[in-house]
Protein backbone atom coordinates (compact mmCIF):
# COMPACT_ATOMS: atom_id res chain seq x y z
CA MET A 1 0.02 -0.01 -0.03
CA MET A 2 2.87 2.41 0.79
CA LYS A 3 4.50 1.75 -2.52
CA ARG A 4 1.20 2.34 -4.29
CA ALA A 5 0.63 5.53 -2.46
CA THR A 6 4.15 6.81 -3.15
CA GLY A 7 3.67 6.08 -6.85
CA ILE A 8 0.42 7.89 -6.89
CA ALA A 9 2.05 10.86 -5.20
CA VAL A 10 4.84 10.92 -7.64
CA ILE A 11 2.41 10.85 -10.58
CA GLY A 12 0.43 13.67 -9.04
CA ALA A 13 3.61 15.71 -8.45
CA VAL A 14 4.57 15.17 -12.07
CA LEU A 15 1.02 16.18 -13.34
CA VAL A 16 1.17 19.31 -11.22
CA VAL A 17 4.59 20.20 -12.62
CA LEU A 18 3.29 19.62 -16.19
CA ILE A 19 0.12 21.76 -15.56
CA LEU A 20 2.19 24.45 -14.17
CA ALA A 21 4.69 24.32 -16.99
CA MET A 22 1.76 24.37 -19.55
CA SER A 23 0.19 27.31 -17.58
CA VAL A 24 3.26 29.59 -17.81
CA TYR A 25 4.86 31.34 -20.79
CA THR A 26 7.32 34.19 -21.16
CA VAL A 27 7.36 37.27 -23.59
CA ASP A 28 10.71 38.81 -24.14
CA GLN A 29 11.43 42.27 -25.46
CA ARG A 30 11.81 41.06 -29.05
CA LYS A 31 8.27 39.68 -29.29
CA ALA A 32 4.55 40.20 -28.73
CA ALA A 33 1.96 37.51 -27.84
CA ILE A 34 -1.69 36.92 -28.68
CA LYS A 35 -3.68 34.68 -26.25
CA PHE A 36 -6.44 32.59 -27.77
CA GLN A 37 -9.31 30.84 -26.01
CA LEU A 38 -11.11 28.01 -28.09
CA GLY A 39 -9.82 29.88 -31.20
CA GLU A 40 -10.83 33.44 -30.09
CA VAL A 41 -8.45 36.28 -29.41
CA ILE A 42 -8.82 37.22 -25.68
CA ASP A 43 -5.67 39.05 -25.00
CA VAL A 44 -2.53 40.64 -26.45
CA GLN A 45 0.73 40.94 -24.60
CA THR A 46 3.32 43.41 -25.85
CA GLU A 47 5.38 44.01 -22.56
CA PRO A 48 8.09 41.52 -21.72
CA GLY A 49 7.37 39.37 -18.64
CA LEU A 50 5.74 36.20 -17.24
CA TYR A 51 2.29 35.33 -18.15
CA PHE A 52 -0.22 32.59 -17.32
CA LEU A 53 -2.87 30.71 -19.28
CA VAL A 54 -5.47 27.76 -18.77
CA PRO A 55 -4.12 24.60 -20.23
CA LEU A 56 -6.14 22.91 -22.94
CA MET A 57 -8.56 25.69 -23.10
CA GLN A 58 -6.08 28.50 -23.94
CA ASN A 59 -3.03 28.83 -26.29
CA VAL A 60 -0.48 31.43 -27.17
CA LYS A 61 1.11 32.52 -30.37
CA LEU A 62 4.18 34.73 -30.36
CA PHE A 63 5.19 37.22 -33.06
CA ASP A 64 8.60 38.97 -33.78
CA THR A 65 8.37 42.66 -33.39
CA ARG A 66 11.95 43.50 -34.40
CA ILE A 67 12.76 45.43 -37.63
CA GLN A 68 12.70 43.15 -40.63
CA THR A 69 14.42 43.69 -43.94
CA LEU A 70 12.55 42.96 -47.22
CA GLU A 71 14.69 42.94 -50.32
CA ALA A 72 13.38 42.95 -53.76
CA ARG A 73 14.04 39.53 -55.46
CA GLU A 74 14.99 41.10 -58.71
CA PRO A 75 15.09 44.68 -60.01
CA GLU A 76 11.78 46.08 -61.10
CA ARG A 77 11.28 48.01 -64.36
CA PHE A 78 9.63 51.45 -64.02
CA ILE A 79 8.77 54.15 -66.65
CA THR A 80 9.88 57.68 -66.10
CA SER A 81 7.87 60.80 -67.35
CA GLU A 82 9.98 60.71 -70.54
CA ASN A 83 8.82 57.18 -71.19
CA ARG A 84 12.23 55.80 -70.44
CA ASN A 85 12.59 52.43 -68.67
CA VAL A 86 14.74 52.06 -65.75
CA LEU A 87 15.62 49.13 -63.54
CA VAL A 88 15.23 49.67 -59.79
CA ASP A 89 16.54 47.56 -57.00
CA SER A 90 15.20 48.41 -53.58
CA PHE A 91 14.64 47.20 -50.07
CA VAL A 92 12.23 47.96 -47.21
CA LYS A 93 12.71 48.17 -43.35
CA TRP A 94 9.33 47.17 -41.54
CA ARG A 95 8.10 45.83 -38.31
CA VAL A 96 4.84 44.78 -36.63
CA VAL A 97 3.33 47.41 -34.48
CA ASP A 98 -0.20 46.27 -33.99
CA VAL A 99 -0.09 42.40 -33.37
CA ARG A 100 -3.84 41.96 -33.20
CA GLN A 101 -4.46 43.80 -36.36
CA TYR A 102 -1.41 41.90 -38.02
CA TYR A 103 -3.07 38.53 -37.04
CA VAL A 104 -6.47 39.59 -38.27
CA SER A 105 -5.20 40.94 -41.61
CA VAL A 106 -2.65 38.34 -42.63
CA ARG A 107 -3.16 35.67 -40.14
CA GLY A 108 0.25 36.55 -38.64
CA ASP A 109 1.90 35.21 -41.78
CA SER A 110 5.08 37.02 -42.59
CA LEU A 111 5.03 35.88 -46.27
CA GLN A 112 1.74 37.31 -46.83
CA ALA A 113 2.72 40.44 -45.07
CA GLU A 114 5.88 40.69 -47.24
CA SER A 115 3.78 40.15 -50.35
CA ARG A 116 1.49 42.93 -49.36
CA ILE A 117 4.44 45.20 -48.56
CA SER A 118 6.18 44.53 -51.95
CA GLN A 119 2.97 45.37 -53.88
CA THR A 120 2.40 48.52 -52.01
CA VAL A 121 6.08 49.62 -52.41
CA ASN A 122 6.10 48.93 -56.12
CA ASP A 123 2.87 50.89 -56.69
CA ALA A 124 4.21 53.84 -54.79
CA LEU A 125 7.54 53.75 -56.64
CA ARG A 126 5.75 53.38 -60.13
CA ALA A 127 3.67 56.49 -59.33
CA GLU A 128 6.69 58.53 -58.15
CA PHE A 129 8.87 57.50 -61.05
CA ALA A 130 6.15 58.37 -63.64
CA LYS A 131 6.31 62.05 -62.43
CA ARG A 132 10.04 62.42 -62.85
CA THR A 133 12.77 62.56 -65.43
CA VAL A 134 15.70 59.95 -65.66
CA HIS A 135 18.06 62.65 -64.14
CA ASP A 136 15.54 63.14 -61.28
CA VAL A 137 15.37 59.43 -60.39
CA VAL A 138 19.01 58.59 -60.80
CA SER A 139 20.35 61.55 -58.76
CA GLY A 140 18.35 64.86 -58.58
CA GLU A 141 15.34 63.74 -56.54
CA ARG A 142 16.25 60.37 -55.22
CA ASP A 143 16.03 61.37 -51.56
CA GLN A 144 12.79 62.97 -51.97
CA ILE A 145 11.44 59.78 -53.79
CA MET A 146 12.47 57.58 -50.89
CA ARG A 147 10.94 59.88 -48.38
CA THR A 148 7.63 60.22 -50.25
CA VAL A 149 7.26 56.44 -50.89
CA ALA A 150 8.13 55.49 -47.30
CA GLU A 151 5.39 57.92 -45.91
CA ARG A 152 2.73 56.78 -48.37
CA VAL A 153 3.61 53.04 -47.87
CA ASP A 154 3.65 53.48 -44.05
CA ALA A 155 0.24 55.00 -44.05
CA ASP A 156 -1.25 52.29 -46.17
CA LEU A 157 0.27 49.24 -44.32
CA ARG A 158 -0.69 50.57 -40.82
CA ARG A 159 -4.00 48.98 -41.78
CA ILE A 160 -2.45 45.50 -41.61
CA GLY A 161 -0.72 46.41 -38.24
CA VAL A 162 2.77 47.05 -40.02
CA ALA A 163 4.95 50.12 -39.85
CA VAL A 164 7.40 50.99 -42.54
CA ILE A 165 10.56 52.27 -41.13
CA ASP A 166 12.40 53.00 -44.35
CA VAL A 167 12.45 52.53 -48.09
CA ARG A 168 15.73 52.60 -49.88
CA LEU A 169 16.89 52.43 -53.59
CA LYS A 170 19.98 50.41 -53.77
CA ARG A 171 20.34 50.92 -57.46
CA VAL A 172 18.81 52.58 -60.49
CA ASP A 173 19.95 51.48 -63.89
CA PHE A 174 19.04 51.97 -67.42
CA VAL A 175 17.64 48.88 -69.21
CA PRO A 176 20.49 47.42 -71.46
CA GLU A 177 19.15 48.96 -74.77
CA ILE A 178 19.00 52.47 -73.14
CA SER A 179 22.32 52.00 -71.43
CA SER A 180 23.89 51.43 -74.75
CA ASN A 181 22.32 54.54 -76.30
CA VAL A 182 23.31 56.63 -73.29
CA TYR A 183 26.88 55.41 -73.56
CA ASP A 184 27.02 56.29 -77.29
CA ARG A 185 25.69 59.82 -76.60
CA MET A 186 28.07 60.30 -73.71
CA ASN A 187 31.04 59.21 -75.83
CA SER A 188 29.93 61.47 -78.76
CA GLU A 189 29.55 64.36 -76.32
CA ARG A 190 32.95 63.77 -74.92
CA LYS A 191 34.58 63.69 -78.26
CA ARG A 192 32.75 66.79 -79.36
CA VAL A 193 34.04 68.64 -76.31
CA ALA A 194 37.57 67.19 -76.83
CA ASN A 195 37.45 68.42 -80.56
CA GLU A 196 36.32 71.90 -79.38
CA LEU A 197 39.05 72.03 -76.87
CA ARG A 198 41.63 70.95 -79.36
CA ALA A 199 40.42 73.42 -82.03
CA THR A 200 40.59 76.15 -79.40
CA GLY A 201 44.05 75.14 -78.39
CA GLN A 202 45.27 75.09 -82.00
CA ALA A 203 43.80 78.56 -82.58
CA GLU A 204 45.29 79.98 -79.44
CA GLY A 205 48.70 78.34 -80.50
CA GLU A 206 48.48 79.86 -83.91
CA LYS A 207 47.58 83.28 -82.40
CA ILE A 208 50.55 83.01 -79.98
CA LYS A 209 52.96 81.98 -82.83
CA ALA A 210 51.60 84.76 -85.14
CA ASP A 211 52.18 87.32 -82.41
CA ALA A 212 55.63 85.99 -81.67
CA ASP A 213 56.57 86.24 -85.41
CA ARG A 214 55.14 89.78 -85.56
CA GLN A 215 57.31 90.71 -82.64
CA ARG A 216 60.37 89.17 -84.24
CA GLN A 217 59.82 91.04 -87.39
CA VAL A 218 59.50 94.34 -85.50
CA ILE A 219 62.73 93.72 -83.47
CA VAL A 220 64.52 92.62 -86.63
CA ALA A 221 63.23 95.68 -88.47
CA GLU A 222 64.28 97.93 -85.75
CA ALA A 223 67.71 96.28 -85.70
CA PHE A 224 68.00 96.67 -89.63
CA GLY A 225 66.99 100.40 -89.49
CA ARG A 226 69.80 101.09 -86.81
CA ASN A 227 72.59 99.12 -88.61
CA PRO A 228 72.16 98.59 -92.33
CA GLU A 229 75.39 96.73 -92.43
CA PHE A 230 73.86 94.29 -89.89
CA PHE A 231 70.95 93.81 -92.14
CA SER A 232 73.12 92.87 -94.94
CA PHE A 233 74.94 90.37 -92.93
CA TYR A 234 71.83 88.88 -91.58
CA ARG A 235 70.45 88.48 -95.17
CA SER A 236 73.61 86.73 -96.15
CA MET A 237 73.36 84.35 -93.00
CA GLU A 238 69.74 83.50 -94.03
CA ALA A 239 70.90 82.88 -97.77
CA TYR A 240 73.70 80.50 -96.35
CA ARG A 241 71.27 78.52 -94.13
CA SER A 242 68.50 78.27 -96.87
CA SER A 243 71.06 77.16 -99.68
CA LEU A 244 73.12 74.67 -97.53
CA ARG A 245 70.16 73.19 -95.60
CA SER A 246 71.03 69.52 -96.48
CA LYS A 247 74.40 67.78 -96.31
CA GLY A 248 73.91 66.72 -99.80
CA ASP A 249 73.43 70.08 -101.36
CA VAL A 250 76.02 71.21 -103.98
CA MET A 251 76.54 74.76 -105.25
CA VAL A 252 78.74 75.74 -108.07
CA LEU A 253 79.60 79.52 -107.65
CA ASP A 254 82.38 81.88 -108.74
CA PRO A 255 84.58 82.59 -105.64
CA SER A 256 84.38 86.15 -106.34
CA SER A 257 80.64 86.07 -106.06
CA ASP A 258 78.94 88.47 -103.58
CA PHE A 259 77.39 85.35 -102.02
CA PHE A 260 80.80 84.80 -100.32
CA LYS A 261 81.72 88.27 -99.33
CA TYR A 262 81.00 87.73 -95.63
CA LEU A 263 82.97 84.42 -95.69
CA LYS A 264 85.97 86.10 -97.41
CA ASN A 265 85.92 89.24 -95.27
CA PRO A 266 84.16 88.61 -92.01
CA GLY A 267 85.40 91.97 -90.66
CA ARG A 268 83.54 93.90 -93.52
CA GLY A 269 81.52 96.74 -92.18
CA LYS A 270 83.69 97.25 -89.18
CA SER A 271 85.24 100.74 -88.96
CA SER A 272 88.87 100.62 -89.72
CA ALA A 273 91.37 101.61 -87.00
CA PRO A 274 92.80 105.09 -87.27
């Protein structure tokens, strides 16, 4: 009898421990909980702590309330106000803020929630891109687009218990056929600018050269005017250089020719000593 009583006591203690274990649950700061009774929502716990329920009649489901990141599986194609196609790669930061509404709207299914978020973000981006040019969406108004889309999407998704923290555009690219055309136009434009700069440089070079030649002629003319004998000597030197430019040049001249007068008498023109 003692053994039987001891066994019953042990079984009873085990049952009590099991019932207590089934009656207690915890909610930490990263989660929120919904308590159900026979399938009906009867309570929501959003504060961390220790909570109790009635086993078999009640059950609890926990939901992650941390910030989640939803990245686009592949870039989406949008059309700008110029009817140009661009490929947009984006991501969204979101979190559950109303657990009861989140459960009612998407049954607490994160995949359903992300599908709704993706569709809402794409619709908002499509509307914003349709208002702007390629330059605006690539650089000019990119920050404004993200702020506007984030506000619009957040206001819409609050109805399913979700808050959108941020929307970011990771990359905005031209579609391949447009990228090729843009590259060709950029290349042509760069060549045009280079040709203009080259032509401007050549014109400036010719101007500088002509000015230098003019100054040279003025200087030489002034020198010739002051010393006619120097002018004659200079002209002879120029003739020598022009006639004997190449090593293979051959000239047949009379030694008494005026062509050699400065070679025969380099001191010509100097005033003789008294």
